[in-house]
Amino acid sequence: SEHLSKLERGHLGISQEGINQIENFIKEMLNFTRVPELNLNSFPMNQIIESSIKMITDSLELKNISLEKDIKENLPLVMVDGDKIRQVILNIFRNACEAVEQNGKIRISLHQISKNSGRCIKIQISNNGIGIPKQDWENIFEPFFTTKSSGFGLGLANARKIIEQHNGTIKIKGKRDRSSCFEIILP
């Protein structure tokens, strides 16, 4: 291999990178198709949100993003898989961080609402970023839909799978100012 020409090494480098990408793709795909058991426990929802916020502090500081919180305290505990719900919140936060410009704004609210099925927790995460075109609202939760050049677009498909496993809903709502808002409702 000492005598490989620069050109051949270049080709090998490219193909190795291609192989790595295919491997990553397969790993993500296998993770996506597996339906993991939920590890349910009683959690205060605001605790899950606060720990998610801690994990994105660096990203917020990097772009000087201000985070507005409207979080009701003393809400009833929710029966959820804490790690999985944190993963969903974190994913939406990360997307929001990428969508907003320097000095942007992200807002999170947490409230209790009543639906015919009983009491629910409503989480809304919105940002003043570029927004998601209305024609993409349905597609955004589909596997492999992505607006990014890197990654395979399984993040939000996974998020929807996890929320639906919890008998909840996740959707996008538009705001008057073109920004987008993710709304999660959990029983």
C-alpha atoms as a PDB file:
ATOM      1  CA  SER A   1       0.000   0.000   0.000  1.00  0.00           C
ATOM      2  CA  GLU A   2       3.116   2.226   0.244  1.00  0.00           C
ATOM      3  CA  HIS A   3       3.181   2.474  -3.543  1.00  0.00           C
ATOM      4  CA  LEU A   4      -0.434   3.562  -4.095  1.00  0.00           C
ATOM      5  CA  SER A   5      -0.595   6.639  -6.271  1.00  0.00           C
ATOM      6  CA  LYS A   6      -2.114   9.773  -4.829  1.00  0.00           C
ATOM      7  CA  LEU A   7      -5.072   9.336  -7.169  1.00  0.00           C
ATOM      8  CA  GLU A   8      -5.729   5.772  -6.006  1.00  0.00           C
ATOM      9  CA  ARG A   9      -5.473   6.847  -2.387  1.00  0.00           C
ATOM     10  CA  GLY A  10      -7.986   9.587  -3.165  1.00  0.00           C
ATOM     11  CA  HIS A  11     -10.414   7.068  -4.610  1.00  0.00           C
ATOM     12  CA  LEU A  12      -9.976   4.761  -1.623  1.00  0.00           C
ATOM     13  CA  GLY A  13     -10.538   7.661   0.752  1.00  0.00           C
ATOM     14  CA  ILE A  14     -13.755   8.589  -0.964  1.00  0.00           C
ATOM     15  CA  SER A  15     -15.039   5.043  -1.061  1.00  0.00           C
ATOM     16  CA  GLN A  16     -14.181   4.552   2.637  1.00  0.00           C
ATOM     17  CA  GLU A  17     -16.196   7.650   3.459  1.00  0.00           C
ATOM     18  CA  GLY A  18     -19.034   6.291   1.343  1.00  0.00           C
ATOM     19  CA  ILE A  19     -18.904   2.976   3.208  1.00  0.00           C
ATOM     20  CA  ASN A  20     -18.992   4.791   6.557  1.00  0.00           C
ATOM     21  CA  GLN A  21     -22.052   6.730   5.439  1.00  0.00           C
ATOM     22  CA  ILE A  22     -23.839   3.567   4.361  1.00  0.00           C
ATOM     23  CA  GLU A  23     -22.997   1.919   7.695  1.00  0.00           C
ATOM     24  CA  ASN A  24     -24.345   4.911   9.613  1.00  0.00           C
ATOM     25  CA  PHE A  25     -27.459   4.884   7.482  1.00  0.00           C
ATOM     26  CA  ILE A  26     -28.083   1.190   8.175  1.00  0.00           C
ATOM     27  CA  LYS A  27     -27.498   1.689  11.919  1.00  0.00           C
ATOM     28  CA  GLU A  28     -29.999   4.549  12.019  1.00  0.00           C
ATOM     29  CA  MET A  29     -32.486   2.559   9.964  1.00  0.00           C
ATOM     30  CA  LEU A  30     -32.237  -0.476  12.268  1.00  0.00           C
ATOM     31  CA  ASN A  31     -32.651   1.733  15.332  1.00  0.00           C
ATOM     32  CA  PHE A  32     -35.663   3.336  13.731  1.00  0.00           C
ATOM     33  CA  THR A  33     -37.445   0.089  12.854  1.00  0.00           C
ATOM     34  CA  ARG A  34     -36.902  -1.437  16.301  1.00  0.00           C
ATOM     35  CA  VAL A  35     -39.766  -0.636  18.628  1.00  0.00           C
ATOM     36  CA  PRO A  36     -38.105  -0.408  22.010  1.00  0.00           C
ATOM     37  CA  GLU A  37     -40.050  -1.142  25.154  1.00  0.00           C
ATOM     38  CA  LEU A  38     -40.966   1.967  27.082  1.00  0.00           C
ATOM     39  CA  ASN A  39     -39.502   2.233  30.541  1.00  0.00           C
ATOM     40  CA  LEU A  40     -42.380   4.111  32.195  1.00  0.00           C
ATOM     41  CA  ASN A  41     -42.109   6.058  35.425  1.00  0.00           C
ATOM     42  CA  SER A  42     -43.816   9.022  37.046  1.00  0.00           C
ATOM     43  CA  PHE A  43     -41.977  12.226  36.227  1.00  0.00           C
ATOM     44  CA  PRO A  44     -42.557  15.927  36.694  1.00  0.00           C
ATOM     45  CA  MET A  45     -42.560  17.188  33.099  1.00  0.00           C
ATOM     46  CA  ASN A  46     -40.803  20.435  33.969  1.00  0.00           C
ATOM     47  CA  GLN A  47     -37.856  18.412  35.308  1.00  0.00           C
ATOM     48  CA  ILE A  48     -37.485  16.630  31.945  1.00  0.00           C
ATOM     49  CA  ILE A  49     -37.633  19.979  30.162  1.00  0.00           C
ATOM     50  CA  GLU A  50     -35.101  21.618  32.490  1.00  0.00           C
ATOM     51  CA  SER A  51     -32.620  18.765  32.014  1.00  0.00           C
ATOM     52  CA  SER A  52     -33.061  19.041  28.213  1.00  0.00           C
ATOM     53  CA  ILE A  53     -32.351  22.770  28.430  1.00  0.00           C
ATOM     54  CA  LYS A  54     -29.134  22.072  30.364  1.00  0.00           C
ATOM     55  CA  MET A  55     -27.969  19.861  27.491  1.00  0.00           C
ATOM     56  CA  ILE A  56     -28.360  22.627  24.882  1.00  0.00           C
ATOM     57  CA  THR A  57     -26.928  25.494  26.954  1.00  0.00           C
ATOM     58  CA  ASP A  58     -23.705  25.496  24.901  1.00  0.00           C
ATOM     59  CA  SER A  59     -25.596  25.734  21.603  1.00  0.00           C
ATOM     60  CA  LEU A  60     -27.704  28.587  22.969  1.00  0.00           C
ATOM     61  CA  GLU A  61     -24.648  30.511  24.169  1.00  0.00           C
ATOM     62  CA  LEU A  62     -22.788  29.925  20.911  1.00  0.00           C
ATOM     63  CA  LYS A  63     -25.428  31.789  18.897  1.00  0.00           C
ATOM     64  CA  ASN A  64     -26.471  34.035  21.781  1.00  0.00           C
ATOM     65  CA  ILE A  65     -30.026  32.669  21.594  1.00  0.00           C
ATOM     66  CA  SER A  66     -32.428  33.822  24.274  1.00  0.00           C
ATOM     67  CA  LEU A  67     -34.725  31.197  25.744  1.00  0.00           C
ATOM     68  CA  GLU A  68     -38.147  32.303  26.950  1.00  0.00           C
ATOM     69  CA  LYS A  69     -39.851  29.942  29.375  1.00  0.00           C
ATOM     70  CA  ASP A  70     -43.483  29.786  30.315  1.00  0.00           C
ATOM     71  CA  ILE A  71     -43.488  26.679  32.471  1.00  0.00           C
ATOM     72  CA  LYS A  72     -46.312  25.954  34.888  1.00  0.00           C
ATOM     73  CA  GLU A  73     -44.991  24.566  38.157  1.00  0.00           C
ATOM     74  CA  ASN A  74     -46.675  21.850  40.236  1.00  0.00           C
ATOM     75  CA  LEU A  75     -48.341  20.091  37.333  1.00  0.00           C
ATOM     76  CA  PRO A  76     -49.473  16.493  37.863  1.00  0.00           C
ATOM     77  CA  LEU A  77     -46.767  13.890  37.243  1.00  0.00           C
ATOM     78  CA  VAL A  78     -46.781  12.163  33.870  1.00  0.00           C
ATOM     79  CA  MET A  79     -46.218   8.455  33.248  1.00  0.00           C
ATOM     80  CA  VAL A  80     -43.507   8.491  30.612  1.00  0.00           C
ATOM     81  CA  ASP A  81     -40.190   7.028  29.590  1.00  0.00           C
ATOM     82  CA  GLY A  82     -38.142   9.987  30.819  1.00  0.00           C
ATOM     83  CA  ASP A  83     -35.103   9.309  28.607  1.00  0.00           C
ATOM     84  CA  LYS A  84     -37.183   8.951  25.450  1.00  0.00           C
ATOM     85  CA  ILE A  85     -39.233  12.101  26.063  1.00  0.00           C
ATOM     86  CA  ARG A  86     -36.032  14.000  26.849  1.00  0.00           C
ATOM     87  CA  GLN A  87     -34.634  12.743  23.530  1.00  0.00           C
ATOM     88  CA  VAL A  88     -37.707  14.178  21.723  1.00  0.00           C
ATOM     89  CA  ILE A  89     -37.500  17.575  23.463  1.00  0.00           C
ATOM     90  CA  LEU A  90     -33.756  17.730  22.850  1.00  0.00           C
ATOM     91  CA  ASN A  91     -34.230  16.930  19.172  1.00  0.00           C
ATOM     92  CA  ILE A  92     -36.741  19.760  18.746  1.00  0.00           C
ATOM     93  CA  PHE A  93     -34.485  22.153  20.681  1.00  0.00           C
ATOM     94  CA  ARG A  94     -31.525  21.239  18.455  1.00  0.00           C
ATOM     95  CA  ASN A  95     -33.598  21.842  15.328  1.00  0.00           C
ATOM     96  CA  ALA A  96     -34.710  25.180  16.756  1.00  0.00           C
ATOM     97  CA  CYS A  97     -31.094  26.152  17.508  1.00  0.00           C
ATOM     98  CA  GLU A  98     -30.166  25.403  13.905  1.00  0.00           C
ATOM     99  CA  ALA A  99     -33.166  27.279  12.506  1.00  0.00           C
ATOM    100  CA  VAL A 100     -32.606  30.569  14.305  1.00  0.00           C
ATOM    101  CA  GLU A 101     -30.063  33.206  13.407  1.00  0.00           C
ATOM    102  CA  GLN A 102     -27.480  34.662  15.754  1.00  0.00           C
ATOM    103  CA  ASN A 103     -29.317  36.395  18.686  1.00  0.00           C
ATOM    104  CA  GLY A 104     -32.482  34.450  17.864  1.00  0.00           C
ATOM    105  CA  LYS A 105     -35.255  33.464  20.247  1.00  0.00           C
ATOM    106  CA  ILE A 106     -36.671  30.109  21.309  1.00  0.00           C
ATOM    107  CA  ARG A 107     -39.766  29.866  23.453  1.00  0.00           C
ATOM    108  CA  ILE A 108     -41.003  26.874  25.419  1.00  0.00           C
ATOM    109  CA  SER A 109     -44.294  26.622  27.254  1.00  0.00           C
ATOM    110  CA  LEU A 110     -45.698  23.861  29.433  1.00  0.00           C
ATOM    111  CA  HIS A 111     -49.319  23.819  30.575  1.00  0.00           C
ATOM    112  CA  GLN A 112     -52.085  21.457  31.547  1.00  0.00           C
ATOM    113  CA  ILE A 113     -55.106  21.256  29.275  1.00  0.00           C
ATOM    114  CA  SER A 114     -58.353  19.297  29.312  1.00  0.00           C
ATOM    115  CA  LYS A 115     -59.292  17.111  26.383  1.00  0.00           C
ATOM    116  CA  ASN A 116     -62.252  14.755  26.111  1.00  0.00           C
ATOM    117  CA  SER A 117     -59.841  11.925  26.975  1.00  0.00           C
ATOM    118  CA  GLY A 118     -58.988  13.647  30.276  1.00  0.00           C
ATOM    119  CA  ARG A 119     -56.194  15.873  31.497  1.00  0.00           C
ATOM    120  CA  CYS A 120     -53.152  16.331  29.282  1.00  0.00           C
ATOM    121  CA  ILE A 121     -49.842  18.136  29.317  1.00  0.00           C
ATOM    122  CA  LYS A 122     -49.205  20.498  26.414  1.00  0.00           C
ATOM    123  CA  ILE A 123     -45.633  21.422  25.466  1.00  0.00           C
ATOM    124  CA  GLN A 124     -44.977  24.037  22.789  1.00  0.00           C
ATOM    125  CA  ILE A 125     -41.529  24.875  21.458  1.00  0.00           C
ATOM    126  CA  SER A 126     -41.373  27.742  18.991  1.00  0.00           C
ATOM    127  CA  ASN A 127     -38.615  29.865  17.514  1.00  0.00           C
ATOM    128  CA  ASN A 128     -38.253  32.962  15.391  1.00  0.00           C
ATOM    129  CA  GLY A 129     -36.174  31.152  12.785  1.00  0.00           C
ATOM    130  CA  ILE A 130     -36.783  30.591   9.109  1.00  0.00           C
ATOM    131  CA  GLY A 131     -39.916  28.556   9.743  1.00  0.00           C
ATOM    132  CA  ILE A 132     -40.998  25.409   7.941  1.00  0.00           C
ATOM    133  CA  PRO A 133     -42.968  25.868   4.686  1.00  0.00           C
ATOM    134  CA  LYS A 134     -46.569  24.767   5.092  1.00  0.00           C
ATOM    135  CA  GLN A 135     -46.262  22.182   2.311  1.00  0.00           C
ATOM    136  CA  ASP A 136     -43.625  20.386   4.437  1.00  0.00           C
ATOM    137  CA  TRP A 137     -45.656  20.205   7.658  1.00  0.00           C
ATOM    138  CA  GLU A 138     -46.972  16.734   6.917  1.00  0.00           C
ATOM    139  CA  ASN A 139     -43.681  15.419   5.502  1.00  0.00           C
ATOM    140  CA  ILE A 140     -41.451  16.607   8.288  1.00  0.00           C
ATOM    141  CA  PHE A 141     -42.293  13.600  10.477  1.00  0.00           C
ATOM    142  CA  GLU A 142     -41.743  11.109   7.658  1.00  0.00           C
ATOM    143  CA  PRO A 143     -38.607   8.943   7.751  1.00  0.00           C
ATOM    144  CA  PHE A 144     -35.786  10.337   5.592  1.00  0.00           C
ATOM    145  CA  PHE A 145     -37.376  13.738   5.105  1.00  0.00           C
ATOM    146  CA  THR A 146     -34.650  16.273   5.806  1.00  0.00           C
ATOM    147  CA  THR A 147     -33.890  19.861   4.940  1.00  0.00           C
ATOM    148  CA  LYS A 148     -30.276  19.459   6.054  1.00  0.00           C
ATOM    149  CA  SER A 149     -27.342  18.415   3.949  1.00  0.00           C
ATOM    150  CA  SER A 150     -26.040  16.053   6.646  1.00  0.00           C
ATOM    151  CA  GLY A 151     -27.982  13.383   8.493  1.00  0.00           C
ATOM    152  CA  PHE A 152     -30.725  11.111   7.268  1.00  0.00           C
ATOM    153  CA  GLY A 153     -33.815  12.864   8.586  1.00  0.00           C
ATOM    154  CA  LEU A 154     -34.861  10.255  11.139  1.00  0.00           C
ATOM    155  CA  GLY A 155     -34.892  12.638  14.115  1.00  0.00           C
ATOM    156  CA  LEU A 156     -38.466  13.862  13.857  1.00  0.00           C
ATOM    157  CA  ALA A 157     -39.779  10.528  12.574  1.00  0.00           C
ATOM    158  CA  ASN A 158     -38.331   9.009  15.743  1.00  0.00           C
ATOM    159  CA  ALA A 159     -39.842  11.790  17.820  1.00  0.00           C
ATOM    160  CA  ARG A 160     -43.291  11.079  16.421  1.00  0.00           C
ATOM    161  CA  LYS A 161     -42.869   7.346  17.013  1.00  0.00           C
ATOM    162  CA  ILE A 162     -41.940   7.924  20.668  1.00  0.00           C
ATOM    163  CA  ILE A 163     -44.806  10.379  21.287  1.00  0.00           C
ATOM    164  CA  GLU A 164     -47.330   8.031  19.649  1.00  0.00           C
ATOM    165  CA  GLN A 165     -46.055   5.156  21.799  1.00  0.00           C
ATOM    166  CA  HIS A 166     -47.024   7.356  24.752  1.00  0.00           C
ATOM    167  CA  ASN A 167     -50.517   7.820  23.220  1.00  0.00           C
ATOM    168  CA  GLY A 168     -49.700  11.449  22.595  1.00  0.00           C
ATOM    169  CA  THR A 169     -49.570  13.673  19.520  1.00  0.00           C
ATOM    170  CA  ILE A 170     -46.895  15.870  17.989  1.00  0.00           C
ATOM    171  CA  LYS A 171     -47.546  18.387  15.250  1.00  0.00           C
ATOM    172  CA  ILE A 172     -46.362  21.634  13.736  1.00  0.00           C
ATOM    173  CA  LYS A 173     -48.365  24.794  13.995  1.00  0.00           C
ATOM    174  CA  GLY A 174     -47.628  27.952  12.080  1.00  0.00           C
ATOM    175  CA  LYS A 175     -47.398  31.285  13.804  1.00  0.00           C
ATOM    176  CA  ARG A 176     -48.417  34.655  12.397  1.00  0.00           C
ATOM    177  CA  ASP A 177     -44.761  35.710  12.209  1.00  0.00           C
ATOM    178  CA  ARG A 178     -43.832  32.742   9.960  1.00  0.00           C
ATOM    179  CA  SER A 179     -41.916  31.010  12.747  1.00  0.00           C
ATOM    180  CA  SER A 180     -42.795  27.413  13.469  1.00  0.00           C
ATOM    181  CA  CYS A 181     -44.057  25.871  16.651  1.00  0.00           C
ATOM    182  CA  PHE A 182     -43.911  22.215  17.658  1.00  0.00           C
ATOM    183  CA  GLU A 183     -46.790  21.148  19.843  1.00  0.00           C
ATOM    184  CA  ILE A 184     -46.667  17.955  21.902  1.00  0.00           C
ATOM    185  CA  ILE A 185     -49.665  16.717  23.862  1.00  0.00           C
ATOM    186  CA  LEU A 186     -49.211  13.873  26.337  1.00  0.00           C
ATOM    187  CA  PRO A 187     -51.914  12.224  28.462  1.00  0.00           C
END
